[in-house]
Amino acid sequence: MFKLLQLKHWQLFTLLIGIPFILQIITFGSVVATNDPKTLVFVFPIIMIIYLGLFFGWFYSLGTNLHKKLPTSVNMNLTKFKIFLIIPILYIFLLSVYQIGMISKIGTNEQPNPAYFAAIIPIHLFSMFCIFYCLYFIAKVFKSVELQKPVTFSEFAGEFFLLWFFPIGIWIIQPRINKIFETNR
């Protein structure tokens, strides 16, 4: 996982955005060629699992490795970060498995259980909260490591939003991450 922190910004961008985009184009091309839309719907959850594994792997690497470099005056709960990172991973994985199961029932007259949809909404909202907490944690740890002091939200708000809008933020954040882990090797 530490390798993700050593990648250049364009390499990380290619890994997180380029490869899933190309896989989607290839999958869509095969759907058009075979005229079987079920293939696209079946492959999408698999691509999503791979993509989010890489994305959350980057988050995990950032959170855990930056936490090791925190100054002693900053106290952040790494266990809480790890738990809040696992929750959306499990949720998205289970949602993808459920989606694949629903796809396999296409063509039958079997209807989905409405209780699943009622459960998805609060779990989805909590999962979103967990992701925002992880963004908050990483941004705060990152800025605290850079400045080597405790920081307030106004000092790391830029990093928070760069991580939130990561396709753009990668180009700014990743070179700074490279610098932190390059100088301390």
C-alpha atoms as a PDB file:
ATOM      1  CA  MET A   1       0.000   0.000   0.000  1.00  0.00           C
ATOM      2  CA  PHE A   2       2.897   2.354   0.643  1.00  0.00           C
ATOM      3  CA  LYS A   3       3.633   2.216  -3.101  1.00  0.00           C
ATOM      4  CA  LEU A   4       0.474   4.280  -3.711  1.00  0.00           C
ATOM      5  CA  LEU A   5       2.080   7.157  -1.807  1.00  0.00           C
ATOM      6  CA  GLN A   6       5.210   7.031  -3.947  1.00  0.00           C
ATOM      7  CA  LEU A   7       3.367   7.230  -7.282  1.00  0.00           C
ATOM      8  CA  LYS A   8       3.573  10.452  -9.248  1.00  0.00           C
ATOM      9  CA  HIS A   9       0.333  12.406  -9.598  1.00  0.00           C
ATOM     10  CA  TRP A  10      -0.188  11.361 -13.226  1.00  0.00           C
ATOM     11  CA  GLN A  11       0.399   7.691 -12.356  1.00  0.00           C
ATOM     12  CA  LEU A  12      -2.157   7.811  -9.548  1.00  0.00           C
ATOM     13  CA  PHE A  13      -4.617   9.658 -11.796  1.00  0.00           C
ATOM     14  CA  THR A  14      -4.168   7.015 -14.496  1.00  0.00           C
ATOM     15  CA  LEU A  15      -4.650   4.221 -11.979  1.00  0.00           C
ATOM     16  CA  LEU A  16      -7.763   5.728 -10.368  1.00  0.00           C
ATOM     17  CA  ILE A  17      -9.416   7.365 -13.382  1.00  0.00           C
ATOM     18  CA  GLY A  18      -7.821   6.165 -16.620  1.00  0.00           C
ATOM     19  CA  ILE A  19      -7.934   2.394 -16.154  1.00  0.00           C
ATOM     20  CA  PRO A  20     -11.584   2.245 -14.969  1.00  0.00           C
ATOM     21  CA  PHE A  21     -12.541   4.570 -17.839  1.00  0.00           C
ATOM     22  CA  ILE A  22     -10.837   2.303 -20.387  1.00  0.00           C
ATOM     23  CA  LEU A  23     -12.461  -0.782 -18.830  1.00  0.00           C
ATOM     24  CA  GLN A  24     -15.861   0.893 -19.153  1.00  0.00           C
ATOM     25  CA  ILE A  25     -15.217   1.697 -22.828  1.00  0.00           C
ATOM     26  CA  ILE A  26     -14.121  -1.888 -23.529  1.00  0.00           C
ATOM     27  CA  THR A  27     -17.150  -3.264 -21.694  1.00  0.00           C
ATOM     28  CA  PHE A  28     -19.516  -0.895 -23.496  1.00  0.00           C
ATOM     29  CA  GLY A  29     -17.925  -1.864 -26.819  1.00  0.00           C
ATOM     30  CA  SER A  30     -18.494  -5.548 -26.122  1.00  0.00           C
ATOM     31  CA  VAL A  31     -22.119  -4.815 -25.175  1.00  0.00           C
ATOM     32  CA  VAL A  32     -22.675  -2.996 -28.459  1.00  0.00           C
ATOM     33  CA  ALA A  33     -20.956  -5.795 -30.403  1.00  0.00           C
ATOM     34  CA  THR A  34     -22.911  -8.615 -28.731  1.00  0.00           C
ATOM     35  CA  ASN A  35     -26.130  -6.635 -28.213  1.00  0.00           C
ATOM     36  CA  ASP A  36     -26.312  -7.974 -24.641  1.00  0.00           C
ATOM     37  CA  PRO A  37     -26.872  -5.141 -22.096  1.00  0.00           C
ATOM     38  CA  LYS A  38     -26.799  -7.689 -19.267  1.00  0.00           C
ATOM     39  CA  THR A  39     -23.008  -7.873 -19.704  1.00  0.00           C
ATOM     40  CA  LEU A  40     -22.588  -4.165 -18.969  1.00  0.00           C
ATOM     41  CA  VAL A  41     -24.734  -4.324 -15.867  1.00  0.00           C
ATOM     42  CA  PHE A  42     -22.881  -7.425 -14.644  1.00  0.00           C
ATOM     43  CA  VAL A  43     -19.363  -6.065 -15.260  1.00  0.00           C
ATOM     44  CA  PHE A  44     -20.010  -2.596 -13.782  1.00  0.00           C
ATOM     45  CA  PRO A  45     -20.123  -3.787 -10.137  1.00  0.00           C
ATOM     46  CA  ILE A  46     -16.874  -5.692 -10.650  1.00  0.00           C
ATOM     47  CA  ILE A  47     -15.154  -2.616 -12.095  1.00  0.00           C
ATOM     48  CA  MET A  48     -16.564  -0.551  -9.223  1.00  0.00           C
ATOM     49  CA  ILE A  49     -15.158  -2.972  -6.632  1.00  0.00           C
ATOM     50  CA  ILE A  50     -11.706  -2.844  -8.240  1.00  0.00           C
ATOM     51  CA  TYR A  51     -11.789   0.945  -8.534  1.00  0.00           C
ATOM     52  CA  LEU A  52     -12.962   1.529  -4.974  1.00  0.00           C
ATOM     53  CA  GLY A  53     -10.407  -0.969  -3.690  1.00  0.00           C
ATOM     54  CA  LEU A  54      -7.690   1.197  -5.219  1.00  0.00           C
ATOM     55  CA  PHE A  55      -9.316   4.444  -4.065  1.00  0.00           C
ATOM     56  CA  PHE A  56      -9.842   3.320  -0.478  1.00  0.00           C
ATOM     57  CA  GLY A  57      -6.414   1.680  -0.527  1.00  0.00           C
ATOM     58  CA  TRP A  58      -4.965   5.114  -1.290  1.00  0.00           C
ATOM     59  CA  PHE A  59      -7.029   6.576   1.560  1.00  0.00           C
ATOM     60  CA  TYR A  60      -5.832   3.851   3.936  1.00  0.00           C
ATOM     61  CA  SER A  61      -2.210   4.418   2.927  1.00  0.00           C
ATOM     62  CA  LEU A  62      -2.555   8.161   3.407  1.00  0.00           C
ATOM     63  CA  GLY A  63      -4.273   7.918   6.774  1.00  0.00           C
ATOM     64  CA  THR A  64      -2.037   5.285   8.348  1.00  0.00           C
ATOM     65  CA  ASN A  65       1.320   6.431   6.994  1.00  0.00           C
ATOM     66  CA  LEU A  66       0.717  10.128   7.631  1.00  0.00           C
ATOM     67  CA  HIS A  67      -0.507   9.302  11.144  1.00  0.00           C
ATOM     68  CA  LYS A  68       2.934   7.833  11.889  1.00  0.00           C
ATOM     69  CA  LYS A  69       4.493  11.209  11.075  1.00  0.00           C
ATOM     70  CA  LEU A  70       2.191  13.302  13.291  1.00  0.00           C
ATOM     71  CA  PRO A  71       3.880  15.585  15.811  1.00  0.00           C
ATOM     72  CA  THR A  72       3.371  14.501  19.406  1.00  0.00           C
ATOM     73  CA  SER A  73       1.198  17.553  20.094  1.00  0.00           C
ATOM     74  CA  VAL A  74      -1.484  16.272  17.679  1.00  0.00           C
ATOM     75  CA  ASN A  75      -3.705  13.429  18.856  1.00  0.00           C
ATOM     76  CA  MET A  76      -5.877  11.739  16.213  1.00  0.00           C
ATOM     77  CA  ASN A  77      -7.741   8.429  16.609  1.00  0.00           C
ATOM     78  CA  LEU A  78      -6.382   6.051  13.948  1.00  0.00           C
ATOM     79  CA  THR A  79      -8.684   3.184  15.012  1.00  0.00           C
ATOM     80  CA  LYS A  80     -11.772   5.322  14.429  1.00  0.00           C
ATOM     81  CA  PHE A  81     -10.423   6.234  10.972  1.00  0.00           C
ATOM     82  CA  LYS A  82      -9.904   2.554  10.096  1.00  0.00           C
ATOM     83  CA  ILE A  83     -13.403   1.603  11.266  1.00  0.00           C
ATOM     84  CA  PHE A  84     -14.978   4.478   9.359  1.00  0.00           C
ATOM     85  CA  LEU A  85     -12.997   3.445   6.280  1.00  0.00           C
ATOM     86  CA  ILE A  86     -14.129  -0.189   6.472  1.00  0.00           C
ATOM     87  CA  ILE A  87     -17.843   0.690   6.690  1.00  0.00           C
ATOM     88  CA  PRO A  88     -18.174   2.217   3.182  1.00  0.00           C
ATOM     89  CA  ILE A  89     -15.991  -0.553   1.734  1.00  0.00           C
ATOM     90  CA  LEU A  90     -18.318  -3.214   3.159  1.00  0.00           C
ATOM     91  CA  TYR A  91     -21.408  -1.260   2.132  1.00  0.00           C
ATOM     92  CA  ILE A  92     -20.267  -0.815  -1.472  1.00  0.00           C
ATOM     93  CA  PHE A  93     -19.144  -4.444  -1.706  1.00  0.00           C
ATOM     94  CA  LEU A  94     -22.480  -5.732  -0.380  1.00  0.00           C
ATOM     95  CA  LEU A  95     -24.387  -3.337  -2.636  1.00  0.00           C
ATOM     96  CA  SER A  96     -22.421  -4.621  -5.634  1.00  0.00           C
ATOM     97  CA  VAL A  97     -23.112  -8.246  -4.707  1.00  0.00           C
ATOM     98  CA  TYR A  98     -26.800  -7.387  -4.286  1.00  0.00           C
ATOM     99  CA  GLN A  99     -26.787  -5.647  -7.673  1.00  0.00           C
ATOM    100  CA  ILE A 100     -25.246  -8.709  -9.328  1.00  0.00           C
ATOM    101  CA  GLY A 101     -27.898 -10.858  -7.659  1.00  0.00           C
ATOM    102  CA  MET A 102     -30.641  -8.583  -8.947  1.00  0.00           C
ATOM    103  CA  ILE A 103     -29.175  -8.692 -12.451  1.00  0.00           C
ATOM    104  CA  SER A 104     -29.276 -12.477 -12.437  1.00  0.00           C
ATOM    105  CA  LYS A 105     -33.034 -12.272 -11.798  1.00  0.00           C
ATOM    106  CA  ILE A 106     -33.699 -10.165 -14.902  1.00  0.00           C
ATOM    107  CA  GLY A 107     -36.225 -11.929 -17.067  1.00  0.00           C
ATOM    108  CA  THR A 108     -37.962 -13.599 -14.153  1.00  0.00           C
ATOM    109  CA  ASN A 109     -41.053 -12.141 -12.580  1.00  0.00           C
ATOM    110  CA  GLU A 110     -39.415 -12.060  -9.147  1.00  0.00           C
ATOM    111  CA  GLN A 111     -39.645  -8.643  -7.491  1.00  0.00           C
ATOM    112  CA  PRO A 112     -36.974  -7.250  -5.133  1.00  0.00           C
ATOM    113  CA  ASN A 113     -37.766  -7.128  -1.446  1.00  0.00           C
ATOM    114  CA  PRO A 114     -38.761  -3.542  -0.490  1.00  0.00           C
ATOM    115  CA  ALA A 115     -37.110  -4.013   2.928  1.00  0.00           C
ATOM    116  CA  TYR A 116     -33.712  -3.950   1.191  1.00  0.00           C
ATOM    117  CA  PHE A 117     -34.447  -0.524  -0.221  1.00  0.00           C
ATOM    118  CA  ALA A 118     -35.610   0.732   3.177  1.00  0.00           C
ATOM    119  CA  ALA A 119     -32.343  -0.488   4.716  1.00  0.00           C
ATOM    120  CA  ILE A 120     -30.153   0.956   1.977  1.00  0.00           C
ATOM    121  CA  ILE A 121     -31.071   4.601   2.628  1.00  0.00           C
ATOM    122  CA  PRO A 122     -29.821   4.941   6.250  1.00  0.00           C
ATOM    123  CA  ILE A 123     -26.817   2.702   5.561  1.00  0.00           C
ATOM    124  CA  HIS A 124     -25.970   4.802   2.514  1.00  0.00           C
ATOM    125  CA  LEU A 125     -26.210   8.040   4.495  1.00  0.00           C
ATOM    126  CA  PHE A 126     -24.020   6.625   7.264  1.00  0.00           C
ATOM    127  CA  SER A 127     -21.530   5.406   4.670  1.00  0.00           C
ATOM    128  CA  MET A 128     -21.390   8.929   3.228  1.00  0.00           C
ATOM    129  CA  PHE A 129     -20.759  10.301   6.720  1.00  0.00           C
ATOM    130  CA  CYS A 130     -17.909   7.797   7.155  1.00  0.00           C
ATOM    131  CA  ILE A 131     -16.333   8.890   3.869  1.00  0.00           C
ATOM    132  CA  PHE A 132     -16.537  12.548   4.890  1.00  0.00           C
ATOM    133  CA  TYR A 133     -14.933  11.698   8.220  1.00  0.00           C
ATOM    134  CA  CYS A 134     -12.114   9.920   6.370  1.00  0.00           C
ATOM    135  CA  LEU A 135     -11.645  12.999   4.153  1.00  0.00           C
ATOM    136  CA  TYR A 136     -11.553  15.156   7.299  1.00  0.00           C
ATOM    137  CA  PHE A 137      -9.080  12.831   9.032  1.00  0.00           C
ATOM    138  CA  ILE A 138      -6.697  12.606   6.063  1.00  0.00           C
ATOM    139  CA  ALA A 139      -6.801  16.348   5.376  1.00  0.00           C
ATOM    140  CA  LYS A 140      -6.156  17.193   9.032  1.00  0.00           C
ATOM    141  CA  VAL A 141      -3.344  14.660   9.425  1.00  0.00           C
ATOM    142  CA  PHE A 142      -1.802  15.764   6.134  1.00  0.00           C
ATOM    143  CA  LYS A 143      -1.760  19.447   7.078  1.00  0.00           C
ATOM    144  CA  SER A 144      -0.577  18.688  10.616  1.00  0.00           C
ATOM    145  CA  VAL A 145       2.349  16.696   9.221  1.00  0.00           C
ATOM    146  CA  GLU A 146       3.175  19.474   6.767  1.00  0.00           C
ATOM    147  CA  LEU A 147       3.077  22.227   9.393  1.00  0.00           C
ATOM    148  CA  GLN A 148       4.227  20.025  12.319  1.00  0.00           C
ATOM    149  CA  LYS A 149       1.614  21.558  14.615  1.00  0.00           C
ATOM    150  CA  PRO A 150      -2.078  21.169  15.489  1.00  0.00           C
ATOM    151  CA  VAL A 151      -4.339  22.708  12.852  1.00  0.00           C
ATOM    152  CA  THR A 152      -7.893  24.044  12.684  1.00  0.00           C
ATOM    153  CA  PHE A 153     -10.368  23.314   9.906  1.00  0.00           C
ATOM    154  CA  SER A 154      -9.717  26.662   8.256  1.00  0.00           C
ATOM    155  CA  GLU A 155      -6.073  25.662   7.843  1.00  0.00           C
ATOM    156  CA  PHE A 156      -6.828  22.319   6.152  1.00  0.00           C
ATOM    157  CA  ALA A 157     -10.118  23.139   4.392  1.00  0.00           C
ATOM    158  CA  GLY A 158      -8.301  23.388   1.057  1.00  0.00           C
ATOM    159  CA  GLU A 159      -6.862  19.891   1.440  1.00  0.00           C
ATOM    160  CA  PHE A 160     -10.288  18.582   2.499  1.00  0.00           C
ATOM    161  CA  PHE A 161     -11.911  19.876  -0.686  1.00  0.00           C
ATOM    162  CA  LEU A 162      -8.986  18.752  -2.854  1.00  0.00           C
ATOM    163  CA  LEU A 163      -9.409  15.230  -1.484  1.00  0.00           C
ATOM    164  CA  TRP A 164     -13.178  15.433  -1.919  1.00  0.00           C
ATOM    165  CA  PHE A 165     -12.815  16.430  -5.580  1.00  0.00           C
ATOM    166  CA  PHE A 166      -9.886  14.064  -5.972  1.00  0.00           C
ATOM    167  CA  PRO A 167      -9.606  13.873  -9.775  1.00  0.00           C
ATOM    168  CA  ILE A 168      -8.471  17.506  -9.620  1.00  0.00           C
ATOM    169  CA  GLY A 169      -6.978  17.315  -6.130  1.00  0.00           C
ATOM    170  CA  ILE A 170      -4.629  14.457  -7.017  1.00  0.00           C
ATOM    171  CA  TRP A 171      -2.625  16.832  -9.214  1.00  0.00           C
ATOM    172  CA  ILE A 172      -2.033  19.148  -6.234  1.00  0.00           C
ATOM    173  CA  ILE A 173      -2.036  16.793  -3.224  1.00  0.00           C
ATOM    174  CA  GLN A 174       0.037  13.881  -4.543  1.00  0.00           C
ATOM    175  CA  PRO A 175       3.225  15.900  -5.287  1.00  0.00           C
ATOM    176  CA  ARG A 176       3.088  17.228  -1.719  1.00  0.00           C
ATOM    177  CA  ILE A 177       2.619  13.683  -0.409  1.00  0.00           C
ATOM    178  CA  ASN A 178       5.586  12.547  -2.507  1.00  0.00           C
ATOM    179  CA  LYS A 179       7.655  15.319  -0.947  1.00  0.00           C
ATOM    180  CA  ILE A 180       6.707  14.288   2.607  1.00  0.00           C
ATOM    181  CA  PHE A 181       7.658  10.656   2.057  1.00  0.00           C
ATOM    182  CA  GLU A 182      10.684  11.432  -0.090  1.00  0.00           C
ATOM    183  CA  THR A 183      12.428  13.685   2.436  1.00  0.00           C
ATOM    184  CA  ASN A 184      11.807  11.331   5.359  1.00  0.00           C
ATOM    185  CA  ARG A 185      13.058   8.135   3.724  1.00  0.00           C
END
